[in-house]
Amino acid sequence: VSVSDKSGLLDFARGLHKLGWELISTGGTARTLREAGIPVRDVADVTQFPAMLDGRVKTLHPAVHGGLLARRDLPEHMAAIAEHGIAPIDLVVVNLYPFRQTAAREGVTPDEVIEQIDIGGPSMLRSAAKNFASVTTVVDPADYASVLAAITAGDDDLDMRRRLAAKVFEHTAAYDAAIAGWFAAQQKEK
């Protein structure tokens, strides 16, 4: 769980916790969950590697991406992650750094905009969405209720995971398009 838009997050996280899910998070999201009394594990505990480069590198690690990309239907995948002490990750909740909002601010510097280019978030989303057969992805807080309802009911809803995966790729494509547009505009100003 790593979100810049925290609307609806606490109810969703509480629901997952009540169902026995272990939550893993980073930075501000982990702090928000802890302050609300929701148990959360730091991603650095999973990776056994601290965040570095001013937080630019946190989730770009085999312990995260192996857990997301391992196909549950392939014994060799499951054996490979087990051999390396990697646990499967079944749900990714990420809605990316606020690049568009930052770029639109009056007087913002190029360095401030560049720091809002999310790398780990889209990477986790893409890894999870690629493996939608086993992993649920959530980029939109509007989907929290339906995802929590499906999990609560014990539904193995492949159609929902496929729909959410499509939403991930639409979201990351639009995000990348906004970044590309910003860079193009920078070139025109020179």
N, C-alpha and C. Protein backbone atom coordinates (compact mmCIF):
# COMPACT_ATOMS: atom_id res chain seq x y z
N VAL A 1 0.86 -1.17 0.00
CA VAL A 1 0.00 0.00 0.00
C VAL A 1 0.90 1.23 0.00
N SER A 2 0.76 2.06 -1.04
CA SER A 2 1.54 3.28 -1.12
C SER A 2 0.74 4.28 -1.96
N VAL A 3 0.09 5.21 -1.28
CA VAL A 3 -0.81 6.12 -1.99
C VAL A 3 -0.54 7.58 -1.64
N SER A 4 -0.65 8.44 -2.64
CA SER A 4 -0.60 9.88 -2.37
C SER A 4 -2.00 10.38 -2.07
N ASP A 5 -3.01 9.84 -2.77
CA ASP A 5 -4.41 10.17 -2.48
C ASP A 5 -4.89 9.18 -1.42
N LYS A 6 -5.02 9.66 -0.21
CA LYS A 6 -5.35 8.78 0.91
C LYS A 6 -6.85 8.71 1.21
N SER A 7 -7.69 9.25 0.32
CA SER A 7 -9.13 9.20 0.55
C SER A 7 -9.60 7.74 0.57
N GLY A 8 -10.36 7.41 1.61
CA GLY A 8 -10.89 6.06 1.76
C GLY A 8 -9.90 5.02 2.23
N LEU A 9 -8.63 5.40 2.36
CA LEU A 9 -7.59 4.44 2.68
C LEU A 9 -7.79 3.76 4.04
N LEU A 10 -8.10 4.54 5.06
CA LEU A 10 -8.16 3.98 6.41
C LEU A 10 -9.25 2.93 6.55
N ASP A 11 -10.42 3.18 6.00
CA ASP A 11 -11.48 2.18 6.07
C ASP A 11 -11.09 0.91 5.31
N PHE A 12 -10.49 1.09 4.14
CA PHE A 12 -10.05 -0.05 3.33
C PHE A 12 -8.99 -0.86 4.09
N ALA A 13 -7.99 -0.16 4.63
CA ALA A 13 -6.91 -0.84 5.36
C ALA A 13 -7.44 -1.53 6.61
N ARG A 14 -8.36 -0.87 7.32
CA ARG A 14 -8.96 -1.51 8.51
C ARG A 14 -9.69 -2.80 8.11
N GLY A 15 -10.41 -2.73 7.00
CA GLY A 15 -11.12 -3.91 6.51
C GLY A 15 -10.18 -5.05 6.18
N LEU A 16 -9.09 -4.74 5.51
CA LEU A 16 -8.10 -5.77 5.19
C LEU A 16 -7.49 -6.35 6.45
N HIS A 17 -7.15 -5.47 7.39
CA HIS A 17 -6.55 -5.93 8.65
C HIS A 17 -7.51 -6.86 9.41
N LYS A 18 -8.79 -6.48 9.46
CA LYS A 18 -9.79 -7.31 10.15
C LYS A 18 -9.91 -8.69 9.51
N LEU A 19 -9.63 -8.77 8.20
CA LEU A 19 -9.69 -10.05 7.50
C LEU A 19 -8.38 -10.84 7.63
N GLY A 20 -7.42 -10.27 8.37
CA GLY A 20 -6.17 -10.98 8.61
C GLY A 20 -5.06 -10.71 7.61
N TRP A 21 -5.23 -9.71 6.78
CA TRP A 21 -4.21 -9.38 5.80
C TRP A 21 -3.06 -8.63 6.47
N GLU A 22 -1.85 -8.95 6.08
CA GLU A 22 -0.67 -8.20 6.52
C GLU A 22 -0.46 -7.05 5.54
N LEU A 23 -0.36 -5.85 6.06
CA LEU A 23 -0.16 -4.67 5.22
C LEU A 23 1.31 -4.30 5.21
N ILE A 24 1.81 -4.02 4.03
CA ILE A 24 3.19 -3.58 3.83
C ILE A 24 3.09 -2.21 3.18
N SER A 25 3.90 -1.26 3.66
CA SER A 25 3.79 0.08 3.12
C SER A 25 5.11 0.83 3.21
N THR A 26 5.09 2.05 2.68
CA THR A 26 6.26 2.91 2.65
C THR A 26 5.92 4.29 3.20
N GLY A 27 6.91 4.99 3.67
CA GLY A 27 6.87 6.40 4.01
C GLY A 27 5.60 6.93 4.63
N GLY A 28 5.02 7.92 3.94
CA GLY A 28 3.86 8.64 4.45
C GLY A 28 2.63 7.77 4.60
N THR A 29 2.46 6.80 3.72
CA THR A 29 1.31 5.91 3.83
C THR A 29 1.43 5.05 5.08
N ALA A 30 2.62 4.51 5.32
CA ALA A 30 2.84 3.70 6.53
C ALA A 30 2.60 4.54 7.78
N ARG A 31 3.06 5.77 7.76
CA ARG A 31 2.86 6.68 8.90
C ARG A 31 1.37 6.93 9.15
N THR A 32 0.63 7.18 8.07
CA THR A 32 -0.81 7.42 8.18
C THR A 32 -1.51 6.20 8.77
N LEU A 33 -1.15 5.01 8.32
CA LEU A 33 -1.76 3.79 8.84
C LEU A 33 -1.43 3.60 10.32
N ARG A 34 -0.16 3.79 10.67
CA ARG A 34 0.25 3.64 12.07
C ARG A 34 -0.47 4.63 12.98
N GLU A 35 -0.55 5.88 12.53
CA GLU A 35 -1.22 6.91 13.34
C GLU A 35 -2.69 6.57 13.57
N ALA A 36 -3.28 5.79 12.67
CA ALA A 36 -4.68 5.37 12.81
C ALA A 36 -4.79 4.05 13.57
N GLY A 37 -3.65 3.54 14.04
CA GLY A 37 -3.66 2.31 14.83
C GLY A 37 -3.77 1.03 14.00
N ILE A 38 -3.48 1.13 12.72
CA ILE A 38 -3.54 -0.04 11.83
C ILE A 38 -2.13 -0.61 11.71
N PRO A 39 -1.93 -1.87 12.07
CA PRO A 39 -0.60 -2.47 11.98
C PRO A 39 -0.11 -2.49 10.53
N VAL A 40 1.15 -2.15 10.35
CA VAL A 40 1.73 -2.12 9.01
C VAL A 40 3.20 -2.48 9.12
N ARG A 41 3.67 -3.17 8.12
CA ARG A 41 5.08 -3.58 8.05
C ARG A 41 5.77 -2.69 7.02
N ASP A 42 6.94 -2.19 7.35
CA ASP A 42 7.68 -1.36 6.40
C ASP A 42 8.24 -2.21 5.27
N VAL A 43 8.22 -1.66 4.07
CA VAL A 43 8.75 -2.40 2.93
C VAL A 43 10.23 -2.74 3.14
N ALA A 44 10.96 -1.92 3.88
CA ALA A 44 12.37 -2.20 4.15
C ALA A 44 12.52 -3.49 4.96
N ASP A 45 11.52 -3.84 5.76
CA ASP A 45 11.56 -5.13 6.47
C ASP A 45 11.43 -6.29 5.50
N VAL A 46 10.68 -6.08 4.44
CA VAL A 46 10.48 -7.12 3.42
C VAL A 46 11.73 -7.25 2.55
N THR A 47 12.27 -6.12 2.13
CA THR A 47 13.42 -6.15 1.22
C THR A 47 14.75 -6.37 1.94
N GLN A 48 14.74 -6.11 3.26
CA GLN A 48 15.98 -6.14 4.05
C GLN A 48 17.00 -5.15 3.48
N PHE A 49 16.44 -4.04 2.97
CA PHE A 49 17.27 -2.99 2.37
C PHE A 49 16.59 -1.66 2.65
N PRO A 50 17.32 -0.69 3.17
CA PRO A 50 16.69 0.60 3.49
C PRO A 50 16.36 1.41 2.24
N ALA A 51 15.37 2.28 2.39
CA ALA A 51 15.11 3.25 1.32
C ALA A 51 16.38 4.07 1.14
N MET A 52 16.68 4.42 -0.09
CA MET A 52 17.90 5.19 -0.34
C MET A 52 17.67 6.25 -1.41
N LEU A 53 18.67 7.07 -1.61
CA LEU A 53 18.63 8.15 -2.60
C LEU A 53 17.41 9.05 -2.39
N ASP A 54 17.26 9.50 -1.15
CA ASP A 54 16.15 10.38 -0.77
C ASP A 54 14.79 9.75 -1.08
N GLY A 55 14.69 8.43 -0.92
CA GLY A 55 13.44 7.72 -1.14
C GLY A 55 13.19 7.33 -2.58
N ARG A 56 14.12 7.60 -3.48
CA ARG A 56 13.93 7.23 -4.88
C ARG A 56 13.94 5.71 -5.06
N VAL A 57 14.64 5.00 -4.18
CA VAL A 57 14.69 3.54 -4.27
C VAL A 57 14.15 2.95 -2.97
N LYS A 58 12.96 2.35 -3.06
CA LYS A 58 12.33 1.70 -1.91
C LYS A 58 11.80 0.33 -2.30
N THR A 59 11.04 0.29 -3.37
CA THR A 59 10.32 -0.93 -3.73
C THR A 59 10.91 -1.64 -4.94
N LEU A 60 11.94 -1.07 -5.54
CA LEU A 60 12.56 -1.70 -6.71
C LEU A 60 13.50 -2.80 -6.22
N HIS A 61 12.92 -3.95 -5.93
CA HIS A 61 13.67 -5.03 -5.29
C HIS A 61 13.02 -6.37 -5.63
N PRO A 62 13.81 -7.43 -5.78
CA PRO A 62 13.24 -8.75 -6.08
C PRO A 62 12.26 -9.25 -5.02
N ALA A 63 12.43 -8.85 -3.76
CA ALA A 63 11.50 -9.29 -2.72
C ALA A 63 10.10 -8.73 -2.96
N VAL A 64 10.03 -7.60 -3.64
CA VAL A 64 8.73 -7.02 -3.99
C VAL A 64 8.27 -7.57 -5.34
N HIS A 65 9.08 -7.41 -6.36
CA HIS A 65 8.64 -7.78 -7.71
C HIS A 65 8.57 -9.29 -7.90
N GLY A 66 9.41 -10.05 -7.22
CA GLY A 66 9.28 -11.51 -7.25
C GLY A 66 7.97 -11.94 -6.63
N GLY A 67 7.60 -11.29 -5.53
CA GLY A 67 6.33 -11.58 -4.86
C GLY A 67 5.13 -11.22 -5.69
N LEU A 68 5.28 -10.23 -6.56
CA LEU A 68 4.18 -9.81 -7.43
C LEU A 68 4.10 -10.64 -8.71
N LEU A 69 5.24 -10.96 -9.29
CA LEU A 69 5.26 -11.58 -10.62
C LEU A 69 5.20 -13.11 -10.60
N ALA A 70 5.47 -13.73 -9.46
CA ALA A 70 5.47 -15.19 -9.42
C ALA A 70 4.08 -15.72 -9.76
N ARG A 71 4.04 -16.60 -10.74
CA ARG A 71 2.77 -17.23 -11.12
C ARG A 71 2.45 -18.33 -10.12
N ARG A 72 1.30 -18.20 -9.50
CA ARG A 72 0.90 -19.16 -8.47
C ARG A 72 0.62 -20.53 -9.05
N ASP A 73 0.33 -20.61 -10.36
CA ASP A 73 0.02 -21.89 -11.00
C ASP A 73 1.25 -22.64 -11.50
N LEU A 74 2.42 -22.04 -11.35
CA LEU A 74 3.66 -22.70 -11.79
C LEU A 74 4.51 -23.07 -10.58
N PRO A 75 4.59 -24.36 -10.28
CA PRO A 75 5.38 -24.79 -9.11
C PRO A 75 6.82 -24.28 -9.15
N GLU A 76 7.39 -24.17 -10.34
CA GLU A 76 8.77 -23.69 -10.42
C GLU A 76 8.88 -22.22 -10.01
N HIS A 77 7.87 -21.41 -10.29
CA HIS A 77 7.87 -20.02 -9.83
C HIS A 77 7.78 -19.98 -8.30
N MET A 78 6.86 -20.76 -7.76
CA MET A 78 6.67 -20.76 -6.31
C MET A 78 7.92 -21.30 -5.60
N ALA A 79 8.56 -22.29 -6.18
CA ALA A 79 9.79 -22.84 -5.59
C ALA A 79 10.91 -21.80 -5.66
N ALA A 80 10.98 -21.05 -6.76
CA ALA A 80 12.04 -20.05 -6.92
C ALA A 80 11.91 -18.95 -5.88
N ILE A 81 10.69 -18.46 -5.66
CA ILE A 81 10.58 -17.39 -4.67
C ILE A 81 10.80 -17.94 -3.26
N ALA A 82 10.33 -19.16 -3.02
CA ALA A 82 10.54 -19.77 -1.70
C ALA A 82 12.03 -19.94 -1.42
N GLU A 83 12.77 -20.34 -2.43
CA GLU A 83 14.22 -20.53 -2.28
C GLU A 83 14.92 -19.25 -1.85
N HIS A 84 14.36 -18.13 -2.25
CA HIS A 84 14.96 -16.84 -1.92
C HIS A 84 14.24 -16.12 -0.78
N GLY A 85 13.34 -16.82 -0.12
CA GLY A 85 12.64 -16.23 1.03
C GLY A 85 11.67 -15.14 0.65
N ILE A 86 11.12 -15.21 -0.55
CA ILE A 86 10.20 -14.19 -1.04
C ILE A 86 8.77 -14.70 -0.87
N ALA A 87 7.93 -13.88 -0.25
CA ALA A 87 6.52 -14.23 -0.07
C ALA A 87 5.70 -13.65 -1.22
N PRO A 88 4.67 -14.39 -1.65
CA PRO A 88 3.78 -13.82 -2.67
C PRO A 88 3.07 -12.58 -2.13
N ILE A 89 2.84 -11.62 -3.00
CA ILE A 89 2.09 -10.41 -2.68
C ILE A 89 0.82 -10.47 -3.52
N ASP A 90 -0.34 -10.43 -2.86
CA ASP A 90 -1.62 -10.67 -3.54
C ASP A 90 -2.42 -9.41 -3.88
N LEU A 91 -2.00 -8.27 -3.38
CA LEU A 91 -2.76 -7.04 -3.59
C LEU A 91 -1.80 -5.86 -3.60
N VAL A 92 -1.96 -4.99 -4.58
CA VAL A 92 -1.17 -3.76 -4.66
C VAL A 92 -2.14 -2.59 -4.73
N VAL A 93 -1.95 -1.63 -3.82
CA VAL A 93 -2.78 -0.43 -3.77
C VAL A 93 -1.83 0.76 -3.91
N VAL A 94 -1.81 1.36 -5.09
CA VAL A 94 -0.90 2.46 -5.39
C VAL A 94 -1.63 3.43 -6.30
N ASN A 95 -1.52 4.74 -6.02
CA ASN A 95 -2.11 5.69 -6.96
C ASN A 95 -1.15 6.79 -7.41
N LEU A 96 0.11 6.57 -7.24
CA LEU A 96 1.19 7.36 -7.84
C LEU A 96 1.35 8.77 -7.26
N TYR A 97 2.56 9.27 -7.37
CA TYR A 97 2.87 10.63 -6.92
C TYR A 97 2.04 11.62 -7.73
N PRO A 98 1.71 12.77 -7.14
CA PRO A 98 0.85 13.75 -7.82
C PRO A 98 1.63 14.58 -8.85
N PHE A 99 2.07 13.94 -9.91
CA PHE A 99 2.86 14.63 -10.94
C PHE A 99 2.07 15.77 -11.57
N ARG A 100 0.87 15.48 -12.05
CA ARG A 100 0.08 16.50 -12.76
C ARG A 100 -0.19 17.72 -11.89
N GLN A 101 -0.57 17.46 -10.63
CA GLN A 101 -0.89 18.57 -9.73
C GLN A 101 0.35 19.42 -9.46
N THR A 102 1.49 18.76 -9.27
CA THR A 102 2.72 19.49 -9.01
C THR A 102 3.12 20.30 -10.24
N ALA A 103 3.08 19.69 -11.42
CA ALA A 103 3.48 20.37 -12.65
C ALA A 103 2.59 21.57 -12.94
N ALA A 104 1.33 21.53 -12.49
CA ALA A 104 0.38 22.61 -12.76
C ALA A 104 0.50 23.77 -11.77
N ARG A 105 1.26 23.57 -10.69
CA ARG A 105 1.37 24.63 -9.67
C ARG A 105 2.12 25.85 -10.21
N GLU A 106 1.63 27.00 -9.85
CA GLU A 106 2.29 28.26 -10.23
C GLU A 106 3.65 28.35 -9.53
N GLY A 107 4.69 28.67 -10.28
CA GLY A 107 6.01 28.89 -9.70
C GLY A 107 6.79 27.65 -9.34
N VAL A 108 6.30 26.48 -9.72
CA VAL A 108 7.01 25.24 -9.40
C VAL A 108 8.30 25.16 -10.22
N THR A 109 9.33 24.61 -9.61
CA THR A 109 10.61 24.46 -10.32
C THR A 109 10.65 23.12 -11.05
N PRO A 110 11.45 23.04 -12.10
CA PRO A 110 11.60 21.75 -12.79
C PRO A 110 12.06 20.63 -11.85
N ASP A 111 12.94 20.93 -10.92
CA ASP A 111 13.39 19.90 -9.98
C ASP A 111 12.25 19.37 -9.13
N GLU A 112 11.35 20.27 -8.71
CA GLU A 112 10.19 19.83 -7.92
C GLU A 112 9.28 18.92 -8.74
N VAL A 113 9.12 19.24 -10.01
CA VAL A 113 8.28 18.42 -10.88
C VAL A 113 8.92 17.06 -11.10
N ILE A 114 10.20 17.05 -11.38
CA ILE A 114 10.91 15.78 -11.64
C ILE A 114 10.83 14.85 -10.44
N GLU A 115 10.87 15.38 -9.23
CA GLU A 115 10.78 14.52 -8.04
C GLU A 115 9.40 13.89 -7.89
N GLN A 116 8.42 14.38 -8.65
CA GLN A 116 7.09 13.78 -8.61
C GLN A 116 6.87 12.76 -9.73
N ILE A 117 7.95 12.37 -10.40
CA ILE A 117 7.86 11.28 -11.37
C ILE A 117 8.04 9.98 -10.58
N ASP A 118 6.95 9.26 -10.43
CA ASP A 118 6.94 8.02 -9.66
C ASP A 118 7.56 6.90 -10.51
N ILE A 119 8.48 6.17 -9.93
CA ILE A 119 9.13 5.05 -10.61
C ILE A 119 8.67 3.73 -9.99
N GLY A 120 8.80 3.62 -8.68
CA GLY A 120 8.45 2.37 -8.00
C GLY A 120 6.97 2.07 -8.09
N GLY A 121 6.12 3.08 -7.97
CA GLY A 121 4.67 2.87 -8.02
C GLY A 121 4.23 2.25 -9.34
N PRO A 122 4.56 2.88 -10.48
CA PRO A 122 4.17 2.27 -11.75
C PRO A 122 4.79 0.88 -11.96
N SER A 123 6.01 0.71 -11.46
CA SER A 123 6.66 -0.60 -11.61
C SER A 123 5.89 -1.67 -10.85
N MET A 124 5.50 -1.37 -9.60
CA MET A 124 4.72 -2.34 -8.84
C MET A 124 3.37 -2.58 -9.49
N LEU A 125 2.71 -1.53 -9.92
CA LEU A 125 1.41 -1.68 -10.56
C LEU A 125 1.51 -2.54 -11.81
N ARG A 126 2.51 -2.29 -12.63
CA ARG A 126 2.67 -3.05 -13.87
C ARG A 126 2.99 -4.51 -13.58
N SER A 127 3.86 -4.76 -12.60
CA SER A 127 4.17 -6.14 -12.23
C SER A 127 2.92 -6.86 -11.76
N ALA A 128 2.17 -6.22 -10.88
CA ALA A 128 0.96 -6.83 -10.32
C ALA A 128 -0.10 -7.02 -11.40
N ALA A 129 -0.30 -6.02 -12.24
CA ALA A 129 -1.34 -6.11 -13.28
C ALA A 129 -0.98 -7.17 -14.31
N LYS A 130 0.29 -7.33 -14.61
CA LYS A 130 0.71 -8.39 -15.53
C LYS A 130 0.30 -9.75 -14.97
N ASN A 131 0.34 -9.89 -13.65
CA ASN A 131 0.01 -11.14 -12.99
C ASN A 131 -1.41 -11.09 -12.40
N PHE A 132 -2.34 -10.45 -13.13
CA PHE A 132 -3.70 -10.29 -12.62
C PHE A 132 -4.39 -11.62 -12.34
N ALA A 133 -3.89 -12.70 -12.90
CA ALA A 133 -4.50 -14.01 -12.61
C ALA A 133 -4.44 -14.31 -11.12
N SER A 134 -3.46 -13.71 -10.43
CA SER A 134 -3.29 -13.97 -8.99
C SER A 134 -3.27 -12.73 -8.13
N VAL A 135 -3.02 -11.58 -8.72
CA VAL A 135 -2.79 -10.36 -7.93
C VAL A 135 -3.85 -9.32 -8.29
N THR A 136 -4.40 -8.70 -7.27
CA THR A 136 -5.38 -7.63 -7.43
C THR A 136 -4.66 -6.28 -7.36
N THR A 137 -4.99 -5.39 -8.27
CA THR A 137 -4.39 -4.06 -8.29
C THR A 137 -5.49 -3.01 -8.09
N VAL A 138 -5.16 -1.99 -7.30
CA VAL A 138 -6.12 -0.91 -7.07
C VAL A 138 -5.39 0.42 -7.25
N VAL A 139 -5.83 1.20 -8.24
CA VAL A 139 -5.27 2.55 -8.45
C VAL A 139 -6.27 3.64 -8.10
N ASP A 140 -7.53 3.25 -7.93
CA ASP A 140 -8.60 4.23 -7.74
C ASP A 140 -9.31 3.95 -6.41
N PRO A 141 -9.30 4.92 -5.49
CA PRO A 141 -10.01 4.72 -4.22
C PRO A 141 -11.48 4.35 -4.41
N ALA A 142 -12.08 4.69 -5.54
CA ALA A 142 -13.48 4.32 -5.81
C ALA A 142 -13.65 2.80 -5.89
N ASP A 143 -12.57 2.07 -6.08
CA ASP A 143 -12.64 0.61 -6.17
C ASP A 143 -12.45 -0.09 -4.82
N TYR A 144 -12.12 0.66 -3.78
CA TYR A 144 -11.86 0.02 -2.48
C TYR A 144 -13.03 -0.83 -2.01
N ALA A 145 -14.23 -0.29 -2.08
CA ALA A 145 -15.40 -1.00 -1.54
C ALA A 145 -15.65 -2.31 -2.28
N SER A 146 -15.59 -2.30 -3.61
CA SER A 146 -15.86 -3.53 -4.35
C SER A 146 -14.76 -4.57 -4.15
N VAL A 147 -13.53 -4.12 -4.04
CA VAL A 147 -12.42 -5.05 -3.80
C VAL A 147 -12.55 -5.65 -2.41
N LEU A 148 -12.83 -4.82 -1.42
CA LEU A 148 -12.99 -5.33 -0.05
C LEU A 148 -14.18 -6.28 0.03
N ALA A 149 -15.26 -5.97 -0.66
CA ALA A 149 -16.43 -6.85 -0.66
C ALA A 149 -16.10 -8.20 -1.28
N ALA A 150 -15.34 -8.20 -2.37
CA ALA A 150 -14.96 -9.46 -3.01
C ALA A 150 -14.06 -10.29 -2.09
N ILE A 151 -13.11 -9.64 -1.45
CA ILE A 151 -12.20 -10.33 -0.54
C ILE A 151 -12.98 -10.89 0.65
N THR A 152 -13.88 -10.08 1.20
CA THR A 152 -14.69 -10.49 2.35
C THR A 152 -15.54 -11.71 2.00
N ALA A 153 -16.10 -11.70 0.79
CA ALA A 153 -16.96 -12.80 0.35
C ALA A 153 -16.16 -14.04 -0.05
N GLY A 154 -14.83 -13.88 -0.14
CA GLY A 154 -14.01 -15.01 -0.57
C GLY A 154 -14.09 -15.27 -2.06
N ASP A 155 -14.56 -14.28 -2.81
CA ASP A 155 -14.68 -14.43 -4.26
C ASP A 155 -13.31 -14.40 -4.92
N ASP A 156 -13.06 -15.37 -5.78
CA ASP A 156 -11.86 -15.37 -6.60
C ASP A 156 -12.30 -14.81 -7.95
N ASP A 157 -12.43 -13.50 -8.01
CA ASP A 157 -13.06 -12.82 -9.14
C ASP A 157 -12.03 -12.42 -10.19
N LEU A 158 -11.76 -13.34 -11.11
CA LEU A 158 -10.79 -13.09 -12.18
C LEU A 158 -11.22 -11.93 -13.06
N ASP A 159 -12.52 -11.83 -13.33
CA ASP A 159 -13.00 -10.72 -14.18
C ASP A 159 -12.73 -9.37 -13.52
N MET A 160 -12.94 -9.29 -12.20
CA MET A 160 -12.65 -8.04 -11.49
C MET A 160 -11.16 -7.73 -11.58
N ARG A 161 -10.30 -8.73 -11.34
CA ARG A 161 -8.85 -8.50 -11.39
C ARG A 161 -8.42 -8.07 -12.80
N ARG A 162 -9.02 -8.65 -13.82
CA ARG A 162 -8.70 -8.28 -15.20
C ARG A 162 -9.13 -6.83 -15.45
N ARG A 163 -10.33 -6.47 -14.99
CA ARG A 163 -10.83 -5.09 -15.17
C ARG A 163 -9.91 -4.10 -14.45
N LEU A 164 -9.51 -4.45 -13.22
CA LEU A 164 -8.62 -3.57 -12.45
C LEU A 164 -7.24 -3.48 -13.10
N ALA A 165 -6.77 -4.58 -13.70
CA ALA A 165 -5.48 -4.56 -14.41
C ALA A 165 -5.55 -3.62 -15.61
N ALA A 166 -6.65 -3.68 -16.34
CA ALA A 166 -6.82 -2.76 -17.48
C ALA A 166 -6.79 -1.32 -16.99
N LYS A 167 -7.42 -1.07 -15.85
CA LYS A 167 -7.44 0.27 -15.27
C LYS A 167 -6.02 0.72 -14.91
N VAL A 168 -5.20 -0.21 -14.43
CA VAL A 168 -3.80 0.10 -14.11
C VAL A 168 -3.07 0.59 -15.35
N PHE A 169 -3.19 -0.16 -16.44
CA PHE A 169 -2.45 0.22 -17.64
C PHE A 169 -2.98 1.52 -18.24
N GLU A 170 -4.28 1.78 -18.12
CA GLU A 170 -4.83 3.08 -18.55
C GLU A 170 -4.25 4.20 -17.69
N HIS A 171 -4.21 3.95 -16.38
CA HIS A 171 -3.71 4.95 -15.42
C HIS A 171 -2.23 5.25 -15.65
N THR A 172 -1.42 4.21 -15.79
CA THR A 172 0.02 4.44 -15.98
C THR A 172 0.31 5.04 -17.35
N ALA A 173 -0.48 4.68 -18.37
CA ALA A 173 -0.29 5.28 -19.70
C ALA A 173 -0.60 6.77 -19.66
N ALA A 174 -1.68 7.14 -18.98
CA ALA A 174 -2.03 8.56 -18.87
C ALA A 174 -0.98 9.31 -18.06
N TYR A 175 -0.47 8.66 -17.02
CA TYR A 175 0.57 9.25 -16.17
C TYR A 175 1.82 9.50 -17.01
N ASP A 176 2.24 8.49 -17.76
CA ASP A 176 3.42 8.64 -18.62
C ASP A 176 3.20 9.69 -19.70
N ALA A 177 1.98 9.76 -20.23
CA ALA A 177 1.67 10.78 -21.24
C ALA A 177 1.79 12.19 -20.65
N ALA A 178 1.35 12.36 -19.42
CA ALA A 178 1.47 13.66 -18.76
C ALA A 178 2.94 14.03 -18.57
N ILE A 179 3.74 13.06 -18.19
CA ILE A 179 5.18 13.31 -18.02
C ILE A 179 5.81 13.67 -19.36
N ALA A 180 5.49 12.89 -20.39
CA ALA A 180 6.04 13.17 -21.73
C ALA A 180 5.62 14.56 -22.20
N GLY A 181 4.37 14.93 -21.94
CA GLY A 181 3.88 16.26 -22.32
C GLY A 181 4.63 17.36 -21.59
N TRP A 182 4.91 17.14 -20.31
CA TRP A 182 5.65 18.14 -19.55
C TRP A 182 7.05 18.32 -20.12
N PHE A 183 7.73 17.20 -20.43
CA PHE A 183 9.07 17.29 -21.00
C PHE A 183 9.03 17.99 -22.36
N ALA A 184 8.03 17.69 -23.18
CA ALA A 184 7.89 18.35 -24.48
C ALA A 184 7.72 19.85 -24.32
N ALA A 185 6.92 20.25 -23.34
CA ALA A 185 6.70 21.68 -23.08
C ALA A 185 7.99 22.34 -22.62
N GLN A 186 8.80 21.63 -21.85
CA GLN A 186 10.09 22.18 -21.41
C GLN A 186 11.01 22.45 -22.59
N GLN A 187 10.98 21.56 -23.56
CA GLN A 187 11.80 21.71 -24.75
C GLN A 187 11.36 22.92 -25.57
N LYS A 188 10.05 23.15 -25.65
CA LYS A 188 9.51 24.27 -26.41
C LYS A 188 9.90 25.60 -25.77
N GLU A 189 10.04 25.61 -24.45
CA GLU A 189 10.37 26.85 -23.75
C GLU A 189 11.83 27.24 -23.94
N LYS A 190 12.64 26.33 -24.43
CA LYS A 190 14.09 26.64 -24.57
C LYS A 190 14.40 27.28 -25.88
